[in-house]
Amino acid sequence: MTEGRRRQGGRQAASLARPYAWTAGRTRPRVDLAVEALVETTPEGRTARFRPTDPLAAVTQLCLRQRSVAEVAVHLGVPLGVARVLLGDLLVAGQVSIRDTLPADASFDERNELLERVLSGLRAL
């Protein structure tokens, strides 16, 4: 293996390590969050005190406007699993609210239409 490949591999590993450091290595959220679920910062989250470097501060700022879980991941530049862990922590703390986009008894057509909207939105990002 050449030195260039090792350095490139190191950079790639470091870029993924940082977001997982934000979650203390956790890859599973405390609550199950659908990729299309809509997230919004609550009044408690708007007044919460975070260190400026705390990723939770960035999430609460992003979610002042309602966004999907997928959008949060894209805007933060982190894997979806990291975004879910951060959002789960904020949800448990009452600093964000999450609204499912479909009821549990939604039809196949409703679910398919939602997936098409999510894919279209992700492509637009």
Protein backbone atom coordinates (compact mmCIF):
# COMPACT_ATOMS: atom_id res chain seq x y z
CA MET A 1 0.00 0.00 0.00
CA THR A 2 1.38 3.42 -0.90
CA GLU A 3 1.69 6.33 1.49
CA GLY A 4 -0.89 8.29 -0.55
CA ARG A 5 -3.49 5.58 -0.11
CA ARG A 6 -2.87 5.38 3.62
CA ARG A 7 -3.27 9.12 3.98
CA GLN A 8 -6.40 9.11 1.86
CA GLY A 9 -7.78 6.22 3.89
CA GLY A 10 -6.89 8.07 7.09
CA ARG A 11 -8.74 11.17 5.93
CA GLN A 12 -11.79 9.16 5.06
CA ALA A 13 -11.75 7.40 8.41
CA ALA A 14 -11.26 10.71 10.25
CA SER A 15 -14.15 12.33 8.41
CA LEU A 16 -16.47 9.53 9.54
CA ALA A 17 -15.00 9.36 13.03
CA ARG A 18 -15.92 12.97 13.85
CA PRO A 19 -19.72 12.54 13.52
CA TYR A 20 -19.63 9.29 15.47
CA ALA A 21 -17.65 11.10 18.17
CA TRP A 22 -20.66 13.44 18.43
CA THR A 23 -22.75 10.44 19.42
CA ALA A 24 -20.11 8.87 21.68
CA GLY A 25 -19.94 6.01 19.19
CA ARG A 26 -23.65 5.24 19.40
CA THR A 27 -25.19 4.17 16.11
CA ARG A 28 -28.74 3.49 17.26
CA PRO A 29 -31.11 6.22 18.39
CA ARG A 30 -33.06 5.99 21.63
CA VAL A 31 -36.26 6.11 19.58
CA ASP A 32 -37.06 4.82 16.11
CA LEU A 33 -37.15 7.72 13.62
CA ALA A 34 -38.36 7.37 10.06
CA VAL A 35 -36.21 9.06 7.44
CA GLU A 36 -39.19 11.15 6.32
CA ALA A 37 -40.38 12.15 9.81
CA LEU A 38 -40.64 15.90 10.27
CA VAL A 39 -38.62 17.53 13.05
CA GLU A 40 -39.08 20.95 14.60
CA THR A 41 -37.36 22.63 17.53
CA THR A 42 -39.65 23.09 20.55
CA PRO A 43 -39.77 26.22 22.73
CA GLU A 44 -37.54 24.34 25.20
CA GLY A 45 -35.03 23.65 22.44
CA ARG A 46 -35.05 27.31 21.37
CA THR A 47 -33.96 28.40 24.84
CA ALA A 48 -31.63 25.49 25.66
CA ARG A 49 -28.03 26.38 26.43
CA PHE A 50 -25.46 24.50 24.37
CA ARG A 51 -21.74 24.97 23.95
CA PRO A 52 -21.14 26.62 20.56
CA THR A 53 -19.35 23.50 19.32
CA ASP A 54 -22.08 21.10 20.48
CA PRO A 55 -23.69 19.45 17.42
CA LEU A 56 -27.03 19.53 19.22
CA ALA A 57 -26.91 23.33 18.95
CA ALA A 58 -26.58 23.02 15.18
CA VAL A 59 -29.51 20.60 15.03
CA THR A 60 -31.82 22.84 17.07
CA GLN A 61 -30.92 25.78 14.83
CA LEU A 62 -31.54 23.75 11.67
CA CYS A 63 -34.91 22.61 12.96
CA LEU A 64 -36.24 26.08 13.75
CA ARG A 65 -37.86 25.45 10.37
CA GLN A 66 -39.51 22.03 10.05
CA ARG A 67 -37.22 19.53 8.30
CA SER A 68 -37.16 15.81 7.65
CA VAL A 69 -34.68 13.53 9.40
CA ALA A 70 -32.97 13.03 6.03
CA GLU A 71 -32.62 16.79 5.51
CA VAL A 72 -31.00 17.18 8.92
CA ALA A 73 -28.40 14.55 7.99
CA VAL A 74 -27.68 16.23 4.66
CA HIS A 75 -27.37 19.72 6.14
CA LEU A 76 -25.05 18.49 8.89
CA GLY A 77 -23.06 16.41 6.42
CA VAL A 78 -23.31 13.31 8.60
CA PRO A 79 -24.53 9.74 8.06
CA LEU A 80 -28.24 9.22 8.59
CA GLY A 81 -27.56 7.08 11.68
CA VAL A 82 -25.70 9.94 13.37
CA ALA A 83 -28.54 12.36 12.64
CA ARG A 84 -31.04 9.88 14.07
CA VAL A 85 -29.02 9.50 17.29
CA LEU A 86 -28.73 13.28 17.75
CA LEU A 87 -32.42 13.82 17.01
CA GLY A 88 -33.39 10.98 19.35
CA ASP A 89 -31.40 12.61 22.15
CA LEU A 90 -33.10 15.94 21.52
CA LEU A 91 -36.52 14.29 21.37
CA VAL A 92 -36.00 12.54 24.72
CA ALA A 93 -34.89 15.89 26.20
CA GLY A 94 -38.03 17.60 24.84
CA GLN A 95 -36.01 19.96 22.65
CA VAL A 96 -37.48 18.83 19.34
CA SER A 97 -40.82 17.42 18.34
CA ILE A 98 -41.23 14.81 15.65
CA ARG A 99 -44.27 14.33 13.50
CA ASP A 100 -44.76 11.25 11.38
CA THR A 101 -45.86 12.00 7.87
CA LEU A 102 -48.17 9.01 7.50
CA PRO A 103 -50.56 7.29 9.85
CA ALA A 104 -49.88 3.64 10.72
CA ASP A 105 -52.80 2.51 8.54
CA ALA A 106 -51.67 4.38 5.39
CA SER A 107 -52.31 2.62 2.10
CA PHE A 108 -49.63 1.32 -0.24
CA ASP A 109 -50.32 4.20 -2.64
CA GLU A 110 -49.96 6.79 0.14
CA ARG A 111 -46.65 5.25 1.21
CA ASN A 112 -45.40 5.07 -2.37
CA GLU A 113 -46.33 8.71 -2.99
CA LEU A 114 -44.48 9.76 0.16
CA LEU A 115 -41.35 7.87 -0.92
CA GLU A 116 -41.48 9.60 -4.30
CA ARG A 117 -41.70 13.02 -2.56
CA VAL A 118 -38.79 12.14 -0.26
CA LEU A 119 -36.63 11.01 -3.18
CA SER A 120 -37.50 14.13 -5.12
CA GLY A 121 -36.63 16.31 -2.13
CA LEU A 122 -33.32 14.52 -1.59
CA ARG A 123 -32.40 14.97 -5.24
CA ALA A 124 -33.18 18.69 -4.94
CA LEU A 125 -30.74 19.02 -2.04
